[in-house]
mmCIF file of all heavy atoms, coordinates in Angstrom:
data_MODEL
# 
_entry.id   MODEL 
# 
loop_
_atom_site.group_PDB 
_atom_site.id 
_atom_site.type_symbol 
_atom_site.label_atom_id 
_atom_site.label_alt_id 
_atom_site.label_comp_id 
_atom_site.label_asym_id 
_atom_site.label_entity_id 
_atom_site.label_seq_id 
_atom_site.pdbx_PDB_ins_code 
_atom_site.Cartn_x 
_atom_site.Cartn_y 
_atom_site.Cartn_z 
_atom_site.occupancy 
_atom_site.B_iso_or_equiv 
_atom_site.pdbx_formal_charge 
_atom_site.auth_seq_id 
_atom_site.auth_comp_id 
_atom_site.auth_asym_id 
_atom_site.auth_atom_id 
_atom_site.pdbx_PDB_model_num 
ATOM 1   N N   . LEU A 1 1  ? 9.262  -20.424 -18.768 1.00 0.00 ? 1  LEU A N   1 
ATOM 2   C CA  . LEU A 1 1  ? 7.898  -20.518 -18.285 1.00 0.00 ? 1  LEU A CA  1 
ATOM 3   C C   . LEU A 1 1  ? 7.827  -21.637 -17.208 1.00 0.00 ? 1  LEU A C   1 
ATOM 4   O O   . LEU A 1 1  ? 8.482  -22.653 -17.311 1.00 0.00 ? 1  LEU A O   1 
ATOM 5   C CB  . LEU A 1 1  ? 6.939  -20.891 -19.394 1.00 0.00 ? 1  LEU A CB  1 
ATOM 6   C CG  . LEU A 1 1  ? 6.647  -19.870 -20.488 1.00 0.00 ? 1  LEU A CG  1 
ATOM 7   C CD1 . LEU A 1 1  ? 7.803  -19.798 -21.483 1.00 0.00 ? 1  LEU A CD1 1 
ATOM 8   C CD2 . LEU A 1 1  ? 5.337  -20.200 -21.187 1.00 0.00 ? 1  LEU A CD2 1 
ATOM 9   N N   . THR A 1 2  ? 7.014  -21.365 -16.208 1.00 0.00 ? 2  THR A N   1 
ATOM 10  C CA  . THR A 1 2  ? 6.767  -22.380 -15.189 1.00 0.00 ? 2  THR A CA  1 
ATOM 11  C C   . THR A 1 2  ? 5.910  -23.475 -15.791 1.00 0.00 ? 2  THR A C   1 
ATOM 12  O O   . THR A 1 2  ? 5.173  -23.250 -16.762 1.00 0.00 ? 2  THR A O   1 
ATOM 13  C CB  . THR A 1 2  ? 6.114  -21.814 -13.959 1.00 0.00 ? 2  THR A CB  1 
ATOM 14  O OG1 . THR A 1 2  ? 4.855  -21.218 -14.338 1.00 0.00 ? 2  THR A OG1 1 
ATOM 15  C CG2 . THR A 1 2  ? 6.968  -20.769 -13.286 1.00 0.00 ? 2  THR A CG2 1 
ATOM 16  N N   . GLU A 1 3  ? 6.031  -24.685 -15.230 1.00 0.00 ? 3  GLU A N   1 
ATOM 17  C CA  . GLU A 1 3  ? 5.299  -25.805 -15.801 1.00 0.00 ? 3  GLU A CA  1 
ATOM 18  C C   . GLU A 1 3  ? 3.797  -25.623 -15.825 1.00 0.00 ? 3  GLU A C   1 
ATOM 19  O O   . GLU A 1 3  ? 3.151  -26.063 -16.777 1.00 0.00 ? 3  GLU A O   1 
ATOM 20  C CB  . GLU A 1 3  ? 5.630  -27.057 -14.986 1.00 0.00 ? 3  GLU A CB  1 
ATOM 21  C CG  . GLU A 1 3  ? 7.012  -27.651 -15.243 1.00 0.00 ? 3  GLU A CG  1 
ATOM 22  C CD  . GLU A 1 3  ? 7.164  -28.143 -16.661 1.00 0.00 ? 3  GLU A CD  1 
ATOM 23  O OE1 . GLU A 1 3  ? 6.203  -28.664 -17.201 1.00 0.00 ? 3  GLU A OE1 1 
ATOM 24  O OE2 . GLU A 1 3  ? 8.289  -28.047 -17.211 1.00 0.00 ? 3  GLU A OE2 1 
ATOM 25  N N   . SER A 1 4  ? 3.249  -24.910 -14.888 1.00 0.00 ? 4  SER A N   1 
ATOM 26  C CA  . SER A 1 4  ? 1.816  -24.787 -14.776 1.00 0.00 ? 4  SER A CA  1 
ATOM 27  C C   . SER A 1 4  ? 1.224  -23.940 -15.915 1.00 0.00 ? 4  SER A C   1 
ATOM 28  O O   . SER A 1 4  ? 0.015  -24.006 -16.158 1.00 0.00 ? 4  SER A O   1 
ATOM 29  C CB  . SER A 1 4  ? 1.469  -24.142 -13.430 1.00 0.00 ? 4  SER A CB  1 
ATOM 30  O OG  . SER A 1 4  ? 1.941  -22.815 -13.313 1.00 0.00 ? 4  SER A OG  1 
ATOM 31  N N   . VAL A 1 5  ? 2.032  -23.175 -16.601 1.00 0.00 ? 5  VAL A N   1 
ATOM 32  C CA  . VAL A 1 5  ? 1.522  -22.312 -17.682 1.00 0.00 ? 5  VAL A CA  1 
ATOM 33  C C   . VAL A 1 5  ? 2.037  -22.668 -19.041 1.00 0.00 ? 5  VAL A C   1 
ATOM 34  O O   . VAL A 1 5  ? 1.624  -22.096 -20.063 1.00 0.00 ? 5  VAL A O   1 
ATOM 35  C CB  . VAL A 1 5  ? 1.825  -20.828 -17.402 1.00 0.00 ? 5  VAL A CB  1 
ATOM 36  C CG1 . VAL A 1 5  ? 1.256  -20.421 -16.062 1.00 0.00 ? 5  VAL A CG1 1 
ATOM 37  C CG2 . VAL A 1 5  ? 3.313  -20.531 -17.484 1.00 0.00 ? 5  VAL A CG2 1 
ATOM 38  N N   . LYS A 1 6  ? 2.945  -23.644 -19.114 1.00 0.00 ? 6  LYS A N   1 
ATOM 39  C CA  . LYS A 1 6  ? 3.430  -24.048 -20.392 1.00 0.00 ? 6  LYS A CA  1 
ATOM 40  C C   . LYS A 1 6  ? 2.327  -24.575 -21.297 1.00 0.00 ? 6  LYS A C   1 
ATOM 41  O O   . LYS A 1 6  ? 1.478  -25.311 -20.864 1.00 0.00 ? 6  LYS A O   1 
ATOM 42  C CB  . LYS A 1 6  ? 4.512  -25.148 -20.238 1.00 0.00 ? 6  LYS A CB  1 
ATOM 43  C CG  . LYS A 1 6  ? 5.860  -24.652 -19.744 1.00 0.00 ? 6  LYS A CG  1 
ATOM 44  C CD  . LYS A 1 6  ? 6.879  -25.761 -19.684 1.00 0.00 ? 6  LYS A CD  1 
ATOM 45  C CE  . LYS A 1 6  ? 8.225  -25.283 -19.248 1.00 0.00 ? 6  LYS A CE  1 
ATOM 46  N NZ  . LYS A 1 6  ? 9.232  -26.358 -19.173 1.00 0.00 ? 6  LYS A NZ  1 
ATOM 47  N N   . GLY A 1 7  ? 2.366  -24.136 -22.531 1.00 0.00 ? 7  GLY A N   1 
ATOM 48  C CA  . GLY A 1 7  ? 1.289  -24.541 -23.466 1.00 0.00 ? 7  GLY A CA  1 
ATOM 49  C C   . GLY A 1 7  ? 0.095  -23.622 -23.399 1.00 0.00 ? 7  GLY A C   1 
ATOM 50  O O   . GLY A 1 7  ? -0.760 -23.733 -24.292 1.00 0.00 ? 7  GLY A O   1 
ATOM 51  N N   . ARG A 1 8  ? 0.037  -22.749 -22.449 1.00 0.00 ? 8  ARG A N   1 
ATOM 52  C CA  . ARG A 1 8  ? -1.123 -21.856 -22.300 1.00 0.00 ? 8  ARG A CA  1 
ATOM 53  C C   . ARG A 1 8  ? -0.683 -20.395 -22.366 1.00 0.00 ? 8  ARG A C   1 
ATOM 54  O O   . ARG A 1 8  ? -1.426 -19.562 -22.917 1.00 0.00 ? 8  ARG A O   1 
ATOM 55  C CB  . ARG A 1 8  ? -1.858 -22.106 -20.981 1.00 0.00 ? 8  ARG A CB  1 
ATOM 56  C CG  . ARG A 1 8  ? -2.386 -23.500 -20.839 1.00 0.00 ? 8  ARG A CG  1 
ATOM 57  C CD  . ARG A 1 8  ? -3.285 -23.638 -19.618 1.00 0.00 ? 8  ARG A CD  1 
ATOM 58  N NE  . ARG A 1 8  ? -2.591 -23.312 -18.355 1.00 0.00 ? 8  ARG A NE  1 
ATOM 59  C CZ  . ARG A 1 8  ? -2.949 -22.368 -17.534 1.00 0.00 ? 8  ARG A CZ  1 
ATOM 60  N NH1 . ARG A 1 8  ? -4.004 -21.604 -17.772 1.00 0.00 ? 8  ARG A NH1 1 
ATOM 61  N NH2 . ARG A 1 8  ? -2.230 -22.164 -16.405 1.00 0.00 ? 8  ARG A NH2 1 
ATOM 62  N N   . PHE A 1 9  ? 0.435  -20.062 -21.799 1.00 0.00 ? 9  PHE A N   1 
ATOM 63  C CA  . PHE A 1 9  ? 0.903  -18.676 -21.747 1.00 0.00 ? 9  PHE A CA  1 
ATOM 64  C C   . PHE A 1 9  ? 2.106  -18.477 -22.684 1.00 0.00 ? 9  PHE A C   1 
ATOM 65  O O   . PHE A 1 9  ? 2.881  -19.420 -22.869 1.00 0.00 ? 9  PHE A O   1 
ATOM 66  C CB  . PHE A 1 9  ? 1.368  -18.272 -20.327 1.00 0.00 ? 9  PHE A CB  1 
ATOM 67  C CG  . PHE A 1 9  ? 0.271  -18.157 -19.312 1.00 0.00 ? 9  PHE A CG  1 
ATOM 68  C CD1 . PHE A 1 9  ? -1.038 -18.605 -19.588 1.00 0.00 ? 9  PHE A CD1 1 
ATOM 69  C CD2 . PHE A 1 9  ? 0.507  -17.618 -18.077 1.00 0.00 ? 9  PHE A CD2 1 
ATOM 70  C CE1 . PHE A 1 9  ? -2.063 -18.505 -18.643 1.00 0.00 ? 9  PHE A CE1 1 
ATOM 71  C CE2 . PHE A 1 9  ? -0.483 -17.502 -17.140 1.00 0.00 ? 9  PHE A CE2 1 
ATOM 72  C CZ  . PHE A 1 9  ? -1.781 -17.931 -17.437 1.00 0.00 ? 9  PHE A CZ  1 
ATOM 73  N N   . THR A 1 10 ? 2.173  -17.310 -23.238 1.00 0.00 ? 10 THR A N   1 
ATOM 74  C CA  . THR A 1 10 ? 3.274  -16.944 -24.086 1.00 0.00 ? 10 THR A CA  1 
ATOM 75  C C   . THR A 1 10 ? 3.732  -15.523 -23.741 1.00 0.00 ? 10 THR A C   1 
ATOM 76  O O   . THR A 1 10 ? 2.918  -14.630 -23.605 1.00 0.00 ? 10 THR A O   1 
ATOM 77  C CB  . THR A 1 10 ? 2.887  -16.972 -25.596 1.00 0.00 ? 10 THR A CB  1 
ATOM 78  O OG1 . THR A 1 10 ? 2.432  -18.274 -25.913 1.00 0.00 ? 10 THR A OG1 1 
ATOM 79  C CG2 . THR A 1 10 ? 4.099  -16.608 -26.438 1.00 0.00 ? 10 THR A CG2 1 
ATOM 80  N N   . VAL A 1 11 ? 5.020  -15.369 -23.540 1.00 0.00 ? 11 VAL A N   1 
ATOM 81  C CA  . VAL A 1 11 ? 5.581  -14.062 -23.237 1.00 0.00 ? 11 VAL A CA  1 
ATOM 82  C C   . VAL A 1 11 ? 6.354  -13.583 -24.416 1.00 0.00 ? 11 VAL A C   1 
ATOM 83  O O   . VAL A 1 11 ? 7.055  -14.354 -25.110 1.00 0.00 ? 11 VAL A O   1 
ATOM 84  C CB  . VAL A 1 11 ? 6.459  -14.079 -21.962 1.00 0.00 ? 11 VAL A CB  1 
ATOM 85  C CG1 . VAL A 1 11 ? 7.658  -15.037 -22.141 1.00 0.00 ? 11 VAL A CG1 1 
ATOM 86  C CG2 . VAL A 1 11 ? 6.935  -12.684 -21.578 1.00 0.00 ? 11 VAL A CG2 1 
ATOM 87  N N   . SER A 1 12 ? 6.252  -12.324 -24.737 1.00 0.00 ? 12 SER A N   1 
ATOM 88  C CA  . SER A 1 12 ? 6.922  -11.739 -25.878 1.00 0.00 ? 12 SER A CA  1 
ATOM 89  C C   . SER A 1 12 ? 7.273  -10.295 -25.545 1.00 0.00 ? 12 SER A C   1 
ATOM 90  O O   . SER A 1 12 ? 6.869  -9.759  -24.522 1.00 0.00 ? 12 SER A O   1 
ATOM 91  C CB  . SER A 1 12 ? 6.074  -11.818 -27.127 1.00 0.00 ? 12 SER A CB  1 
ATOM 92  O OG  . SER A 1 12 ? 4.846  -11.104 -26.970 1.00 0.00 ? 12 SER A OG  1 
ATOM 93  N N   . ARG A 1 13 ? 8.043  -9.676  -26.428 1.00 0.00 ? 13 ARG A N   1 
ATOM 94  C CA  . ARG A 1 13 ? 8.458  -8.296  -26.259 1.00 0.00 ? 13 ARG A CA  1 
ATOM 95  C C   . ARG A 1 13 ? 8.374  -7.527  -27.569 1.00 0.00 ? 13 ARG A C   1 
ATOM 96  O O   . ARG A 1 13 ? 8.484  -8.131  -28.622 1.00 0.00 ? 13 ARG A O   1 
ATOM 97  C CB  . ARG A 1 13 ? 9.834  -8.212  -25.673 1.00 0.00 ? 13 ARG A CB  1 
ATOM 98  C CG  . ARG A 1 13 ? 10.963 -8.470  -26.693 1.00 0.00 ? 13 ARG A CG  1 
ATOM 99  C CD  . ARG A 1 13 ? 12.239 -8.939  -26.020 1.00 0.00 ? 13 ARG A CD  1 
ATOM 100 N NE  . ARG A 1 13 ? 13.370 -8.905  -26.905 1.00 0.00 ? 13 ARG A NE  1 
ATOM 101 C CZ  . ARG A 1 13 ? 13.612 -9.773  -27.882 1.00 0.00 ? 13 ARG A CZ  1 
ATOM 102 N NH1 . ARG A 1 13 ? 12.744 -10.769 -28.143 1.00 0.00 ? 13 ARG A NH1 1 
ATOM 103 N NH2 . ARG A 1 13 ? 14.734 -9.691  -28.599 1.00 0.00 ? 13 ARG A NH2 1 
ATOM 104 N N   . ASP A 1 14 ? 8.238  -6.243  -27.471 1.00 0.00 ? 14 ASP A N   1 
ATOM 105 C CA  . ASP A 1 14 ? 8.270  -5.332  -28.569 1.00 0.00 ? 14 ASP A CA  1 
ATOM 106 C C   . ASP A 1 14 ? 9.403  -4.334  -28.252 1.00 0.00 ? 14 ASP A C   1 
ATOM 107 O O   . ASP A 1 14 ? 9.201  -3.459  -27.447 1.00 0.00 ? 14 ASP A O   1 
ATOM 108 C CB  . ASP A 1 14 ? 6.944  -4.622  -28.767 1.00 0.00 ? 14 ASP A CB  1 
ATOM 109 C CG  . ASP A 1 14 ? 6.891  -3.791  -30.016 1.00 0.00 ? 14 ASP A CG  1 
ATOM 110 O OD1 . ASP A 1 14 ? 7.947  -3.223  -30.438 1.00 0.00 ? 14 ASP A OD1 1 
ATOM 111 O OD2 . ASP A 1 14 ? 5.810  -3.632  -30.634 1.00 0.00 ? 14 ASP A OD2 1 
ATOM 112 N N   . ILE A 1 15 ? 10.534 -4.548  -28.889 1.00 0.00 ? 15 ILE A N   1 
ATOM 113 C CA  . ILE A 1 15 ? 11.709 -3.752  -28.512 1.00 0.00 ? 15 ILE A CA  1 
ATOM 114 C C   . ILE A 1 15 ? 11.511 -2.245  -28.789 1.00 0.00 ? 15 ILE A C   1 
ATOM 115 O O   . ILE A 1 15 ? 11.840 -1.441  -27.891 1.00 0.00 ? 15 ILE A O   1 
ATOM 116 C CB  . ILE A 1 15 ? 12.928 -4.304  -29.281 1.00 0.00 ? 15 ILE A CB  1 
ATOM 117 C CG1 . ILE A 1 15 ? 13.260 -5.720  -28.758 1.00 0.00 ? 15 ILE A CG1 1 
ATOM 118 C CG2 . ILE A 1 15 ? 14.117 -3.367  -29.062 1.00 0.00 ? 15 ILE A CG2 1 
ATOM 119 C CD1 . ILE A 1 15 ? 14.382 -6.366  -29.484 1.00 0.00 ? 15 ILE A CD1 1 
ATOM 120 N N   . PRO A 1 16 ? 11.048 -1.824  -29.965 1.00 0.00 ? 16 PRO A N   1 
ATOM 121 C CA  . PRO A 1 16 ? 10.888 -0.386  -30.171 1.00 0.00 ? 16 PRO A CA  1 
ATOM 122 C C   . PRO A 1 16 ? 9.953  0.282   -29.206 1.00 0.00 ? 16 PRO A C   1 
ATOM 123 O O   . PRO A 1 16 ? 10.127 1.472   -28.917 1.00 0.00 ? 16 PRO A O   1 
ATOM 124 C CB  . PRO A 1 16 ? 10.318 -0.294  -31.633 1.00 0.00 ? 16 PRO A CB  1 
ATOM 125 C CG  . PRO A 1 16 ? 10.818 -1.557  -32.255 1.00 0.00 ? 16 PRO A CG  1 
ATOM 126 C CD  . PRO A 1 16 ? 10.706 -2.619  -31.200 1.00 0.00 ? 16 PRO A CD  1 
ATOM 127 N N   . LYS A 1 17 ? 8.946  -0.472  -28.731 1.00 0.00 ? 17 LYS A N   1 
ATOM 128 C CA  . LYS A 1 17 ? 7.962  0.117   -27.806 1.00 0.00 ? 17 LYS A CA  1 
ATOM 129 C C   . LYS A 1 17 ? 8.295  -0.105  -26.321 1.00 0.00 ? 17 LYS A C   1 
ATOM 130 O O   . LYS A 1 17 ? 7.558  0.382   -25.473 1.00 0.00 ? 17 LYS A O   1 
ATOM 131 C CB  . LYS A 1 17 ? 6.576  -0.406  -28.096 1.00 0.00 ? 17 LYS A CB  1 
ATOM 132 C CG  . LYS A 1 17 ? 6.035  -0.068  -29.453 1.00 0.00 ? 17 LYS A CG  1 
ATOM 133 C CD  . LYS A 1 17 ? 4.690  -0.638  -29.654 1.00 0.00 ? 17 LYS A CD  1 
ATOM 134 C CE  . LYS A 1 17 ? 4.062  -0.232  -30.998 1.00 0.00 ? 17 LYS A CE  1 
ATOM 135 N NZ  . LYS A 1 17 ? 2.696  -0.800  -31.178 1.00 0.00 ? 17 LYS A NZ  1 
ATOM 136 N N   . ASN A 1 18 ? 9.337  -0.819  -26.079 1.00 0.00 ? 18 ASN A N   1 
ATOM 137 C CA  . ASN A 1 18 ? 9.708  -1.194  -24.686 1.00 0.00 ? 18 ASN A CA  1 
ATOM 138 C C   . ASN A 1 18 ? 8.517  -1.806  -23.971 1.00 0.00 ? 18 ASN A C   1 
ATOM 139 O O   . ASN A 1 18 ? 8.193  -1.478  -22.809 1.00 0.00 ? 18 ASN A O   1 
ATOM 140 C CB  . ASN A 1 18 ? 10.188 0.078   -23.921 1.00 0.00 ? 18 ASN A CB  1 
ATOM 141 C CG  . ASN A 1 18 ? 11.677 0.148   -23.777 1.00 0.00 ? 18 ASN A CG  1 
ATOM 142 O OD1 . ASN A 1 18 ? 12.429 -0.324  -24.630 1.00 0.00 ? 18 ASN A OD1 1 
ATOM 143 N ND2 . ASN A 1 18 ? 12.169 0.718   -22.676 1.00 0.00 ? 18 ASN A ND2 1 
ATOM 144 N N   . MET A 1 19 ? 7.926  -2.783  -24.645 1.00 0.00 ? 19 MET A N   1 
ATOM 145 C CA  . MET A 1 19 ? 6.727  -3.425  -24.069 1.00 0.00 ? 19 MET A CA  1 
ATOM 146 C C   . MET A 1 19 ? 6.973  -4.901  -23.915 1.00 0.00 ? 19 MET A C   1 
ATOM 147 O O   . MET A 1 19 ? 7.674  -5.548  -24.746 1.00 0.00 ? 19 MET A O   1 
ATOM 148 C CB  . MET A 1 19 ? 5.534  -3.222  -25.019 1.00 0.00 ? 19 MET A CB  1 
ATOM 149 C CG  . MET A 1 19 ? 5.106  -1.789  -25.173 1.00 0.00 ? 19 MET A CG  1 
ATOM 150 S SD  . MET A 1 19 ? 4.191  -1.193  -23.712 1.00 0.00 ? 19 MET A SD  1 
ATOM 151 C CE  . MET A 1 19 ? 2.637  -2.098  -23.891 1.00 0.00 ? 19 MET A CE  1 
ATOM 152 N N   . VAL A 1 20 ? 6.391  -5.470  -22.901 1.00 0.00 ? 20 VAL A N   1 
ATOM 153 C CA  . VAL A 1 20 ? 6.395  -6.898  -22.684 1.00 0.00 ? 20 VAL A CA  1 
ATOM 154 C C   . VAL A 1 20 ? 4.946  -7.342  -22.621 1.00 0.00 ? 20 VAL A C   1 
ATOM 155 O O   . VAL A 1 20 ? 4.124  -6.689  -21.966 1.00 0.00 ? 20 VAL A O   1 
ATOM 156 C CB  . VAL A 1 20 ? 7.126  -7.278  -21.383 1.00 0.00 ? 20 VAL A CB  1 
ATOM 157 C CG1 . VAL A 1 20 ? 7.072  -8.789  -21.150 1.00 0.00 ? 20 VAL A CG1 1 
ATOM 158 C CG2 . VAL A 1 20 ? 8.555  -6.796  -21.408 1.00 0.00 ? 20 VAL A CG2 1 
ATOM 159 N N   . TYR A 1 21 ? 4.691  -8.472  -23.252 1.00 0.00 ? 21 TYR A N   1 
ATOM 160 C CA  . TYR A 1 21 ? 3.300  -8.975  -23.260 1.00 0.00 ? 21 TYR A CA  1 
ATOM 161 C C   . TYR A 1 21 ? 3.236  -10.352 -22.691 1.00 0.00 ? 21 TYR A C   1 
ATOM 162 O O   . TYR A 1 21 ? 4.155  -11.107 -22.792 1.00 0.00 ? 21 TYR A O   1 
ATOM 163 C CB  . TYR A 1 21 ? 2.808  -8.994  -24.702 1.00 0.00 ? 21 TYR A CB  1 
ATOM 164 C CG  . TYR A 1 21 ? 2.849  -7.695  -25.421 1.00 0.00 ? 21 TYR A CG  1 
ATOM 165 C CD1 . TYR A 1 21 ? 3.887  -7.394  -26.298 1.00 0.00 ? 21 TYR A CD1 1 
ATOM 166 C CD2 . TYR A 1 21 ? 1.891  -6.686  -25.190 1.00 0.00 ? 21 TYR A CD2 1 
ATOM 167 C CE1 . TYR A 1 21 ? 3.933  -6.201  -26.960 1.00 0.00 ? 21 TYR A CE1 1 
ATOM 168 C CE2 . TYR A 1 21 ? 1.948  -5.489  -25.813 1.00 0.00 ? 21 TYR A CE2 1 
ATOM 169 C CZ  . TYR A 1 21 ? 2.976  -5.216  -26.712 1.00 0.00 ? 21 TYR A CZ  1 
ATOM 170 O OH  . TYR A 1 21 ? 3.032  -4.011  -27.375 1.00 0.00 ? 21 TYR A OH  1 
ATOM 171 N N   . LEU A 1 22 ? 2.120  -10.659 -22.102 1.00 0.00 ? 22 LEU A N   1 
ATOM 172 C CA  . LEU A 1 22 ? 1.826  -11.985 -21.592 1.00 0.00 ? 22 LEU A CA  1 
ATOM 173 C C   . LEU A 1 22 ? 0.489  -12.394 -22.177 1.00 0.00 ? 22 LEU A C   1 
ATOM 174 O O   . LEU A 1 22 ? -0.555 -11.921 -21.740 1.00 0.00 ? 22 LEU A O   1 
ATOM 175 C CB  . LEU A 1 22 ? 1.779  -12.028 -20.072 1.00 0.00 ? 22 LEU A CB  1 
ATOM 176 C CG  . LEU A 1 22 ? 1.521  -13.394 -19.469 1.00 0.00 ? 22 LEU A CG  1 
ATOM 177 C CD1 . LEU A 1 22 ? 2.630  -14.378 -19.838 1.00 0.00 ? 22 LEU A CD1 1 
ATOM 178 C CD2 . LEU A 1 22 ? 1.398  -13.321 -17.924 1.00 0.00 ? 22 LEU A CD2 1 
ATOM 179 N N   . GLN A 1 23 ? 0.549  -13.280 -23.179 1.00 0.00 ? 23 GLN A N   1 
ATOM 180 C CA  . GLN A 1 23 ? -0.665 -13.826 -23.735 1.00 0.00 ? 23 GLN A CA  1 
ATOM 181 C C   . GLN A 1 23 ? -1.073 -15.052 -22.939 1.00 0.00 ? 23 GLN A C   1 
ATOM 182 O O   . GLN A 1 23 ? -0.321 -16.017 -22.825 1.00 0.00 ? 23 GLN A O   1 
ATOM 183 C CB  . GLN A 1 23 ? -0.417 -14.223 -25.203 1.00 0.00 ? 23 GLN A CB  1 
ATOM 184 C CG  . GLN A 1 23 ? -1.635 -14.836 -25.884 1.00 0.00 ? 23 GLN A CG  1 
ATOM 185 C CD  . GLN A 1 23 ? -2.809 -13.854 -26.027 1.00 0.00 ? 23 GLN A CD  1 
ATOM 186 O OE1 . GLN A 1 23 ? -2.588 -12.717 -26.460 1.00 0.00 ? 23 GLN A OE1 1 
ATOM 187 N NE2 . GLN A 1 23 ? -3.965 -14.285 -25.684 1.00 0.00 ? 23 GLN A NE2 1 
ATOM 188 N N   . MET A 1 24 ? -2.281 -15.024 -22.392 1.00 0.00 ? 24 MET A N   1 
ATOM 189 C CA  . MET A 1 24 ? -2.767 -16.053 -21.514 1.00 0.00 ? 24 MET A CA  1 
ATOM 190 C C   . MET A 1 24 ? -3.990 -16.689 -22.167 1.00 0.00 ? 24 MET A C   1 
ATOM 191 O O   . MET A 1 24 ? -5.036 -16.027 -22.358 1.00 0.00 ? 24 MET A O   1 
ATOM 192 C CB  . MET A 1 24 ? -3.096 -15.503 -20.140 1.00 0.00 ? 24 MET A CB  1 
ATOM 193 C CG  . MET A 1 24 ? -2.000 -14.780 -19.444 1.00 0.00 ? 24 MET A CG  1 
ATOM 194 S SD  . MET A 1 24 ? -2.401 -14.182 -17.772 1.00 0.00 ? 24 MET A SD  1 
ATOM 195 C CE  . MET A 1 24 ? -3.633 -12.958 -18.214 1.00 0.00 ? 24 MET A CE  1 
ATOM 196 N N   . ASN A 1 25 ? -3.864 -17.948 -22.482 1.00 0.00 ? 25 ASN A N   1 
ATOM 197 C CA  . ASN A 1 25 ? -4.972 -18.689 -23.062 1.00 0.00 ? 25 ASN A CA  1 
ATOM 198 C C   . ASN A 1 25 ? -5.368 -19.804 -22.114 1.00 0.00 ? 25 ASN A C   1 
ATOM 199 O O   . ASN A 1 25 ? -4.639 -20.189 -21.214 1.00 0.00 ? 25 ASN A O   1 
ATOM 200 C CB  . ASN A 1 25 ? -4.549 -19.307 -24.412 1.00 0.00 ? 25 ASN A CB  1 
ATOM 201 C CG  . ASN A 1 25 ? -4.159 -18.254 -25.443 1.00 0.00 ? 25 ASN A CG  1 
ATOM 202 O OD1 . ASN A 1 25 ? -4.707 -17.181 -25.486 1.00 0.00 ? 25 ASN A OD1 1 
ATOM 203 N ND2 . ASN A 1 25 ? -3.184 -18.600 -26.273 1.00 0.00 ? 25 ASN A ND2 1 
ATOM 204 N N   . SER A 1 26 ? -6.570 -20.338 -22.362 1.00 0.00 ? 26 SER A N   1 
ATOM 205 C CA  . SER A 1 26 ? -7.090 -21.429 -21.537 1.00 0.00 ? 26 SER A CA  1 
ATOM 206 C C   . SER A 1 26 ? -6.974 -21.121 -20.037 1.00 0.00 ? 26 SER A C   1 
ATOM 207 O O   . SER A 1 26 ? -6.577 -21.958 -19.241 1.00 0.00 ? 26 SER A O   1 
ATOM 208 C CB  . SER A 1 26 ? -6.351 -22.731 -21.847 1.00 0.00 ? 26 SER A CB  1 
ATOM 209 O OG  . SER A 1 26 ? -6.454 -23.055 -23.233 1.00 0.00 ? 26 SER A OG  1 
ATOM 210 N N   . LEU A 1 27 ? -7.414 -19.943 -19.684 1.00 0.00 ? 27 LEU A N   1 
ATOM 211 C CA  . LEU A 1 27 ? -7.343 -19.529 -18.290 1.00 0.00 ? 27 LEU A CA  1 
ATOM 212 C C   . LEU A 1 27 ? -8.312 -20.383 -17.454 1.00 0.00 ? 27 LEU A C   1 
ATOM 213 O O   . LEU A 1 27 ? -9.397 -20.756 -17.900 1.00 0.00 ? 27 LEU A O   1 
ATOM 214 C CB  . LEU A 1 27 ? -7.724 -18.053 -18.159 1.00 0.00 ? 27 LEU A CB  1 
ATOM 215 C CG  . LEU A 1 27 ? -6.653 -17.055 -18.626 1.00 0.00 ? 27 LEU A CG  1 
ATOM 216 C CD1 . LEU A 1 27 ? -7.241 -15.689 -18.868 1.00 0.00 ? 27 LEU A CD1 1 
ATOM 217 C CD2 . LEU A 1 27 ? -5.532 -17.003 -17.664 1.00 0.00 ? 27 LEU A CD2 1 
ATOM 218 N N   . ASN A 1 28 ? -7.855 -20.655 -16.252 1.00 0.00 ? 28 ASN A N   1 
ATOM 219 C CA  . ASN A 1 28 ? -8.677 -21.366 -15.314 1.00 0.00 ? 28 ASN A CA  1 
ATOM 220 C C   . ASN A 1 28 ? -8.654 -20.635 -13.985 1.00 0.00 ? 28 ASN A C   1 
ATOM 221 O O   . ASN A 1 28 ? -7.865 -19.718 -13.780 1.00 0.00 ? 28 ASN A O   1 
ATOM 222 C CB  . ASN A 1 28 ? -8.176 -22.825 -15.161 1.00 0.00 ? 28 ASN A CB  1 
ATOM 223 C CG  . ASN A 1 28 ? -6.749 -22.916 -14.716 1.00 0.00 ? 28 ASN A CG  1 
ATOM 224 O OD1 . ASN A 1 28 ? -6.396 -22.476 -13.616 1.00 0.00 ? 28 ASN A OD1 1 
ATOM 225 N ND2 . ASN A 1 28 ? -5.876 -23.542 -15.502 1.00 0.00 ? 28 ASN A ND2 1 
# 
């Protein structure tokens, strides 16, 4: 993660679904 989003964004994946997610909190 880049420094500007650390602590706010989380990236994850769902292997069976071939999906990537980006959870974004505390958006500005």
